[in-house]
N, C-alpha and C. Protein backbone atom coordinates (compact mmCIF):
# COMPACT_ATOMS: atom_id res chain seq x y z
N MET A 1 -2.23 5.55 0.32
CA MET A 1 -2.16 6.20 1.60
C MET A 1 -0.70 6.48 1.92
N CYS A 2 -0.42 7.63 2.46
CA CYS A 2 0.92 7.97 2.90
C CYS A 2 0.86 8.36 4.36
N ASP A 3 1.91 8.04 5.10
CA ASP A 3 1.96 8.37 6.52
C ASP A 3 1.67 9.84 6.78
N TYR A 4 1.15 10.12 7.97
CA TYR A 4 0.81 11.50 8.36
C TYR A 4 1.99 12.44 8.21
N SER A 5 3.19 11.95 8.42
CA SER A 5 4.37 12.80 8.37
C SER A 5 4.76 13.21 6.96
N LEU A 6 4.08 12.67 5.95
CA LEU A 6 4.38 13.02 4.56
C LEU A 6 3.33 13.93 3.94
N HIS A 7 2.42 14.47 4.74
CA HIS A 7 1.37 15.32 4.20
C HIS A 7 1.90 16.61 3.58
N ALA A 8 3.09 17.03 3.96
CA ALA A 8 3.68 18.24 3.38
C ALA A 8 4.53 17.94 2.15
N VAL A 9 4.60 16.67 1.76
CA VAL A 9 5.39 16.24 0.61
C VAL A 9 4.45 15.98 -0.56
N ALA A 10 4.85 16.38 -1.76
CA ALA A 10 4.04 16.07 -2.95
C ALA A 10 3.90 14.55 -3.06
N SER A 11 2.73 14.09 -3.51
CA SER A 11 2.50 12.66 -3.59
C SER A 11 1.64 12.31 -4.79
N ARG A 12 1.66 11.03 -5.12
CA ARG A 12 0.82 10.48 -6.19
C ARG A 12 0.56 9.02 -5.89
N PRO A 13 -0.48 8.44 -6.51
CA PRO A 13 -0.77 7.02 -6.26
C PRO A 13 0.19 6.10 -7.01
N ALA A 14 0.38 4.91 -6.48
CA ALA A 14 1.21 3.89 -7.12
C ALA A 14 0.53 3.35 -8.36
N GLN A 15 1.32 2.83 -9.28
CA GLN A 15 0.81 2.23 -10.51
C GLN A 15 1.37 0.82 -10.65
N VAL A 16 0.55 -0.10 -11.13
CA VAL A 16 0.98 -1.48 -11.32
C VAL A 16 2.16 -1.53 -12.29
N GLY A 17 3.16 -2.31 -11.93
CA GLY A 17 4.31 -2.53 -12.80
C GLY A 17 5.46 -1.56 -12.60
N GLU A 18 5.25 -0.46 -11.90
CA GLU A 18 6.34 0.49 -11.74
C GLU A 18 7.32 0.03 -10.67
N THR A 19 8.58 0.45 -10.84
CA THR A 19 9.61 0.17 -9.86
C THR A 19 9.84 1.41 -9.03
N LEU A 20 9.83 1.23 -7.72
CA LEU A 20 10.00 2.33 -6.78
C LEU A 20 11.27 2.09 -5.97
N VAL A 21 11.69 3.12 -5.25
CA VAL A 21 12.87 3.02 -4.40
C VAL A 21 12.53 3.60 -3.03
N THR A 22 13.07 2.99 -1.98
CA THR A 22 12.86 3.53 -0.64
C THR A 22 13.80 4.71 -0.45
N THR A 23 13.27 5.78 0.12
CA THR A 23 14.06 7.00 0.28
C THR A 23 13.59 7.79 1.49
N THR A 24 14.45 8.68 1.99
CA THR A 24 14.05 9.62 3.03
C THR A 24 13.71 10.92 2.32
N PHE A 25 12.55 11.46 2.60
CA PHE A 25 12.10 12.66 1.90
C PHE A 25 12.70 13.92 2.52
N ARG A 26 13.14 14.79 1.66
CA ARG A 26 13.79 16.04 2.07
C ARG A 26 12.89 16.83 3.02
N GLY A 27 13.48 17.32 4.09
CA GLY A 27 12.74 18.11 5.06
C GLY A 27 11.97 17.28 6.07
N THR A 28 12.09 15.94 5.98
CA THR A 28 11.42 15.05 6.94
C THR A 28 12.43 14.03 7.43
N SER A 29 12.06 13.29 8.42
CA SER A 29 12.88 12.16 8.86
C SER A 29 12.18 10.86 8.49
N THR A 30 11.19 10.96 7.61
CA THR A 30 10.37 9.81 7.24
C THR A 30 10.84 9.19 5.93
N ARG A 31 10.89 7.87 5.92
CA ARG A 31 11.19 7.14 4.69
C ARG A 31 9.89 6.65 4.08
N GLY A 32 9.94 6.50 2.78
CA GLY A 32 8.78 5.99 2.05
C GLY A 32 9.21 5.57 0.67
N PHE A 33 8.25 5.45 -0.24
CA PHE A 33 8.52 5.02 -1.60
C PHE A 33 8.47 6.21 -2.55
N ALA A 34 9.36 6.21 -3.52
CA ALA A 34 9.39 7.24 -4.55
C ALA A 34 9.80 6.59 -5.87
N SER A 35 9.51 7.29 -6.94
CA SER A 35 9.95 6.84 -8.26
C SER A 35 11.46 7.03 -8.35
N GLU A 36 12.11 6.16 -9.10
CA GLU A 36 13.55 6.32 -9.28
C GLU A 36 13.90 7.63 -9.97
N SER A 37 13.00 8.11 -10.82
CA SER A 37 13.27 9.33 -11.58
C SER A 37 12.86 10.60 -10.85
N ASP A 38 12.05 10.50 -9.79
CA ASP A 38 11.63 11.69 -9.05
C ASP A 38 11.49 11.35 -7.57
N ARG A 39 12.58 11.43 -6.87
CA ARG A 39 12.60 11.04 -5.46
C ARG A 39 12.00 12.08 -4.53
N ALA A 40 11.54 13.20 -5.07
CA ALA A 40 10.92 14.23 -4.24
C ALA A 40 9.42 14.00 -4.07
N VAL A 41 8.84 13.11 -4.86
CA VAL A 41 7.40 12.84 -4.80
C VAL A 41 7.15 11.48 -4.15
N ALA A 42 6.39 11.49 -3.07
CA ALA A 42 6.04 10.24 -2.38
C ALA A 42 5.03 9.46 -3.21
N VAL A 43 5.25 8.17 -3.34
CA VAL A 43 4.30 7.30 -4.03
C VAL A 43 3.49 6.58 -2.95
N CYS A 44 2.19 6.86 -2.94
CA CYS A 44 1.30 6.34 -1.90
C CYS A 44 0.58 5.09 -2.39
N MET A 45 0.31 4.21 -1.44
CA MET A 45 -0.34 2.93 -1.77
C MET A 45 -1.56 2.72 -0.91
N LEU A 46 -2.51 1.99 -1.47
CA LEU A 46 -3.68 1.57 -0.71
C LEU A 46 -3.35 0.28 0.03
N PRO A 47 -3.94 0.08 1.21
CA PRO A 47 -3.74 -1.19 1.90
C PRO A 47 -4.13 -2.36 0.99
N GLY A 48 -3.29 -3.37 0.96
CA GLY A 48 -3.53 -4.51 0.10
C GLY A 48 -2.68 -4.52 -1.16
N THR A 49 -1.95 -3.43 -1.41
CA THR A 49 -1.07 -3.38 -2.58
C THR A 49 0.04 -4.41 -2.41
N GLU A 50 0.23 -5.25 -3.42
CA GLU A 50 1.23 -6.31 -3.36
C GLU A 50 2.53 -5.84 -3.99
N LEU A 51 3.65 -6.15 -3.30
CA LEU A 51 4.96 -5.65 -3.69
C LEU A 51 5.98 -6.78 -3.81
N ALA A 52 6.97 -6.59 -4.71
CA ALA A 52 8.09 -7.51 -4.83
C ALA A 52 9.38 -6.71 -4.72
N PHE A 53 10.19 -7.03 -3.74
CA PHE A 53 11.48 -6.37 -3.55
C PHE A 53 12.52 -7.05 -4.44
N ALA A 54 13.49 -6.28 -4.93
CA ALA A 54 14.53 -6.82 -5.80
C ALA A 54 15.47 -7.75 -5.03
N GLU A 55 15.63 -7.50 -3.73
CA GLU A 55 16.49 -8.33 -2.88
C GLU A 55 15.77 -8.57 -1.56
N ASP A 56 16.36 -9.41 -0.70
CA ASP A 56 15.77 -9.62 0.62
C ASP A 56 15.62 -8.26 1.31
N VAL A 57 14.54 -8.09 2.04
CA VAL A 57 14.19 -6.80 2.64
C VAL A 57 15.13 -6.47 3.80
N LYS A 58 15.65 -5.23 3.77
CA LYS A 58 16.53 -4.73 4.83
C LYS A 58 15.80 -3.60 5.55
N TYR A 59 15.96 -3.56 6.88
CA TYR A 59 15.32 -2.51 7.66
C TYR A 59 16.14 -2.20 8.90
N ASP A 60 15.87 -1.03 9.47
CA ASP A 60 16.52 -0.60 10.71
C ASP A 60 15.52 -0.79 11.84
N SER A 61 15.98 -1.35 12.94
CA SER A 61 15.08 -1.61 14.06
C SER A 61 15.69 -1.06 15.34
N ARG A 62 15.16 0.06 15.75
CA ARG A 62 15.61 0.74 16.97
C ARG A 62 17.12 0.93 16.95
N TRP A 63 17.87 0.23 17.77
CA TRP A 63 19.32 0.42 17.85
C TRP A 63 20.09 -0.56 16.98
N ILE A 64 19.38 -1.49 16.34
CA ILE A 64 20.03 -2.47 15.49
C ILE A 64 19.85 -2.03 14.04
N TRP A 65 20.94 -1.81 13.33
CA TRP A 65 20.87 -1.31 11.97
C TRP A 65 20.98 -2.44 10.96
N ALA A 66 20.32 -2.29 9.87
CA ALA A 66 20.39 -3.17 8.70
C ALA A 66 20.11 -4.64 9.03
N ARG A 67 18.94 -4.89 9.58
CA ARG A 67 18.48 -6.27 9.74
C ARG A 67 17.93 -6.72 8.39
N THR A 68 17.90 -8.01 8.15
CA THR A 68 17.42 -8.54 6.88
C THR A 68 16.33 -9.57 7.13
N ILE A 69 15.29 -9.50 6.30
CA ILE A 69 14.23 -10.49 6.31
C ILE A 69 14.44 -11.37 5.09
N ASP A 70 14.40 -12.66 5.27
CA ASP A 70 14.62 -13.60 4.19
C ASP A 70 13.34 -13.72 3.36
N CYS A 71 12.96 -12.62 2.74
CA CYS A 71 11.71 -12.58 1.98
C CYS A 71 11.79 -11.42 0.98
N ARG A 72 11.14 -11.58 -0.16
CA ARG A 72 11.15 -10.53 -1.17
C ARG A 72 9.76 -10.06 -1.58
N VAL A 73 8.71 -10.62 -1.00
CA VAL A 73 7.36 -10.18 -1.32
C VAL A 73 6.63 -9.75 -0.06
N GLY A 74 5.73 -8.80 -0.21
CA GLY A 74 4.96 -8.32 0.92
C GLY A 74 3.73 -7.58 0.45
N LYS A 75 2.92 -7.22 1.42
CA LYS A 75 1.68 -6.51 1.13
C LYS A 75 1.65 -5.24 1.97
N PHE A 76 1.37 -4.11 1.31
CA PHE A 76 1.30 -2.85 2.02
C PHE A 76 0.06 -2.85 2.92
N GLY A 77 0.20 -2.32 4.12
CA GLY A 77 -0.92 -2.25 5.05
C GLY A 77 -0.74 -1.10 6.03
N VAL A 78 -1.63 -1.04 6.97
CA VAL A 78 -1.64 0.03 7.96
C VAL A 78 -1.73 -0.59 9.35
N VAL A 79 -0.91 -0.08 10.28
CA VAL A 79 -0.98 -0.54 11.67
C VAL A 79 -1.44 0.59 12.57
N ASP A 80 -2.24 0.27 13.56
CA ASP A 80 -2.74 1.22 14.56
C ASP A 80 -3.25 2.53 13.95
N PRO A 81 -4.22 2.47 13.03
CA PRO A 81 -4.69 3.69 12.37
C PRO A 81 -5.36 4.69 13.31
N ASP A 82 -5.82 4.22 14.47
CA ASP A 82 -6.50 5.11 15.41
C ASP A 82 -5.55 5.82 16.38
N VAL A 83 -4.27 5.48 16.31
CA VAL A 83 -3.29 6.11 17.19
C VAL A 83 -2.68 7.29 16.44
N PRO A 84 -2.96 8.53 16.88
CA PRO A 84 -2.44 9.70 16.15
C PRO A 84 -0.94 9.89 16.34
N HIS A 85 -0.35 10.57 15.39
CA HIS A 85 1.06 11.01 15.45
C HIS A 85 2.05 9.87 15.62
N ARG A 86 1.84 8.82 14.87
CA ARG A 86 2.82 7.75 14.79
C ARG A 86 2.78 7.22 13.36
N HIS A 87 3.79 6.52 12.98
CA HIS A 87 3.83 5.96 11.63
C HIS A 87 2.87 4.78 11.54
N HIS A 88 2.11 4.74 10.45
CA HIS A 88 1.11 3.69 10.26
C HIS A 88 1.42 2.78 9.08
N ASP A 89 2.11 3.29 8.07
CA ASP A 89 2.38 2.51 6.87
C ASP A 89 3.34 1.37 7.18
N ALA A 90 2.99 0.17 6.75
CA ALA A 90 3.81 -1.00 7.04
C ALA A 90 3.74 -2.00 5.88
N ILE A 91 4.72 -2.88 5.84
CA ILE A 91 4.73 -3.99 4.90
C ILE A 91 4.53 -5.26 5.72
N GLU A 92 3.55 -6.07 5.31
CA GLU A 92 3.31 -7.35 5.98
C GLU A 92 3.86 -8.46 5.09
N PHE A 93 4.55 -9.40 5.72
CA PHE A 93 5.20 -10.48 4.99
C PHE A 93 4.42 -11.78 5.15
N PRO A 94 4.65 -12.76 4.28
CA PRO A 94 3.89 -14.01 4.32
C PRO A 94 3.92 -14.73 5.68
N ASP A 95 4.99 -14.53 6.46
CA ASP A 95 5.06 -15.19 7.77
C ASP A 95 4.29 -14.43 8.85
N GLY A 96 3.64 -13.32 8.49
CA GLY A 96 2.87 -12.53 9.44
C GLY A 96 3.65 -11.39 10.05
N GLY A 97 4.96 -11.34 9.83
CA GLY A 97 5.78 -10.25 10.35
C GLY A 97 5.48 -8.94 9.63
N ARG A 98 5.71 -7.83 10.32
CA ARG A 98 5.48 -6.51 9.73
C ARG A 98 6.66 -5.60 10.02
N VAL A 99 6.93 -4.70 9.08
CA VAL A 99 7.97 -3.69 9.24
C VAL A 99 7.36 -2.36 8.80
N LEU A 100 7.53 -1.33 9.62
CA LEU A 100 7.07 0.00 9.22
C LEU A 100 7.85 0.46 7.99
N VAL A 101 7.18 1.10 7.06
CA VAL A 101 7.83 1.58 5.85
C VAL A 101 8.97 2.54 6.20
N THR A 102 8.77 3.37 7.21
CA THR A 102 9.81 4.33 7.58
C THR A 102 11.07 3.66 8.13
N GLN A 103 10.99 2.37 8.47
CA GLN A 103 12.16 1.63 8.95
C GLN A 103 12.91 0.91 7.83
N LEU A 104 12.34 0.86 6.63
CA LEU A 104 13.02 0.20 5.52
C LEU A 104 14.32 0.94 5.20
N SER A 105 15.38 0.20 4.96
CA SER A 105 16.65 0.82 4.61
C SER A 105 16.52 1.53 3.26
N GLU A 106 17.23 2.64 3.13
CA GLU A 106 17.16 3.42 1.89
C GLU A 106 17.77 2.68 0.71
N GLY A 107 17.27 3.00 -0.49
CA GLY A 107 17.84 2.49 -1.72
C GLY A 107 17.32 1.14 -2.18
N GLN A 108 16.36 0.57 -1.49
CA GLN A 108 15.81 -0.72 -1.92
C GLN A 108 14.83 -0.51 -3.07
N ARG A 109 14.88 -1.40 -4.03
CA ARG A 109 13.99 -1.30 -5.17
C ARG A 109 12.84 -2.29 -4.99
N VAL A 110 11.64 -1.81 -5.33
CA VAL A 110 10.44 -2.61 -5.16
C VAL A 110 9.53 -2.40 -6.36
N THR A 111 8.91 -3.47 -6.83
CA THR A 111 7.99 -3.40 -7.96
C THR A 111 6.56 -3.57 -7.44
N VAL A 112 5.66 -2.74 -7.93
CA VAL A 112 4.24 -2.84 -7.56
C VAL A 112 3.65 -3.96 -8.42
N LEU A 113 3.27 -5.07 -7.78
CA LEU A 113 2.73 -6.22 -8.51
C LEU A 113 1.25 -6.09 -8.79
N GLN A 114 0.51 -5.66 -7.77
CA GLN A 114 -0.95 -5.62 -7.90
C GLN A 114 -1.53 -4.62 -6.91
N LEU A 115 -2.52 -3.87 -7.38
CA LEU A 115 -3.25 -2.96 -6.50
C LEU A 115 -4.48 -3.69 -5.98
N PRO A 116 -4.98 -3.28 -4.82
CA PRO A 116 -6.17 -3.95 -4.29
C PRO A 116 -7.40 -3.64 -5.13
N VAL A 117 -8.35 -4.55 -5.12
CA VAL A 117 -9.61 -4.35 -5.83
C VAL A 117 -10.47 -3.42 -4.99
N VAL A 118 -10.99 -2.39 -5.61
CA VAL A 118 -11.87 -1.45 -4.92
C VAL A 118 -13.25 -1.61 -5.54
N HIS A 119 -14.22 -2.03 -4.72
CA HIS A 119 -15.58 -2.24 -5.20
C HIS A 119 -16.36 -0.94 -5.16
N GLN A 120 -17.07 -0.65 -6.24
CA GLN A 120 -17.94 0.52 -6.27
C GLN A 120 -19.36 0.02 -6.47
N VAL A 121 -20.27 0.56 -5.70
CA VAL A 121 -21.67 0.16 -5.80
C VAL A 121 -22.40 1.12 -6.73
N ALA A 122 -23.08 0.57 -7.70
CA ALA A 122 -23.85 1.39 -8.63
C ALA A 122 -25.08 1.94 -7.93
N GLY A 123 -25.42 3.18 -8.19
CA GLY A 123 -26.53 3.83 -7.51
C GLY A 123 -27.90 3.29 -7.90
N HIS A 124 -28.06 2.74 -9.11
CA HIS A 124 -29.38 2.32 -9.58
C HIS A 124 -29.49 0.81 -9.74
N ALA A 125 -28.63 0.07 -9.09
CA ALA A 125 -28.70 -1.39 -9.21
C ALA A 125 -29.91 -1.91 -8.45
N GLN A 126 -30.53 -2.95 -9.02
CA GLN A 126 -31.68 -3.56 -8.37
C GLN A 126 -31.28 -4.93 -7.85
N PRO A 127 -31.85 -5.36 -6.75
CA PRO A 127 -31.56 -6.71 -6.25
C PRO A 127 -31.97 -7.74 -7.29
N ALA A 128 -31.27 -8.86 -7.33
CA ALA A 128 -31.54 -9.90 -8.33
C ALA A 128 -32.96 -10.43 -8.25
N ALA A 129 -33.49 -10.65 -7.06
CA ALA A 129 -34.85 -11.20 -6.90
C ALA A 129 -35.89 -10.26 -7.51
N ARG A 130 -35.72 -8.97 -7.30
CA ARG A 130 -36.66 -7.99 -7.83
C ARG A 130 -36.60 -7.95 -9.35
N THR A 131 -35.40 -8.05 -9.90
CA THR A 131 -35.24 -8.04 -11.35
C THR A 131 -35.87 -9.28 -11.98
N ALA A 132 -35.66 -10.44 -11.35
CA ALA A 132 -36.23 -11.69 -11.87
C ALA A 132 -37.74 -11.67 -11.83
N THR A 133 -38.31 -11.12 -10.76
CA THR A 133 -39.77 -11.05 -10.64
C THR A 133 -40.35 -10.13 -11.71
N ALA A 134 -39.70 -9.03 -11.95
CA ALA A 134 -40.19 -8.06 -12.94
C ALA A 134 -40.14 -8.65 -14.34
N ALA A 135 -39.20 -9.57 -14.59
CA ALA A 135 -39.06 -10.13 -15.91
C ALA A 135 -40.01 -11.30 -16.16
N THR A 136 -40.59 -11.87 -15.11
CA THR A 136 -41.49 -13.02 -15.23
C THR A 136 -42.87 -12.52 -15.62
N PRO A 137 -43.46 -13.04 -16.70
CA PRO A 137 -44.80 -12.58 -17.10
C PRO A 137 -45.84 -13.03 -16.08
N ALA A 138 -46.86 -12.22 -15.90
CA ALA A 138 -47.95 -12.54 -14.94
C ALA A 138 -48.78 -13.68 -15.52
N SER A 139 -49.22 -14.57 -14.65
CA SER A 139 -50.06 -15.68 -15.12
C SER A 139 -51.51 -15.23 -15.17
N ILE A 140 -52.21 -15.75 -16.12
CA ILE A 140 -53.63 -15.42 -16.26
C ILE A 140 -54.44 -16.62 -15.82
N ASP A 141 -55.35 -16.43 -14.89
CA ASP A 141 -56.18 -17.53 -14.40
C ASP A 141 -57.47 -17.60 -15.13
């Protein structure tokens, strides 16, 4: 998922093991993740994607620039998805704190550790009880 403000920017999904960099995308005022080799393409993540930063996380907060969080791991998530025209992409940290992705300081390197598990339901699956009953031979009285 990429913030609404990046819909005009080329994008692709994140891949496990790749290293990304925080950047401001050309023609926008929005920061996000991009590949080190192609900073023009936004790398989008699903909520639950686990990340490891190369250094303690730095971010800008309103009028205070370059604050630091004493943490290097986080999970990508979404805040206030029902509120239109605001940034939703955020990183949640183990202490419960969150920082919007667009507030992350530029140039930070982050590795995608794990993508969330997405469950798919098979169209022709049968409930276990029904399958067990069908496999049991009928008794003859």
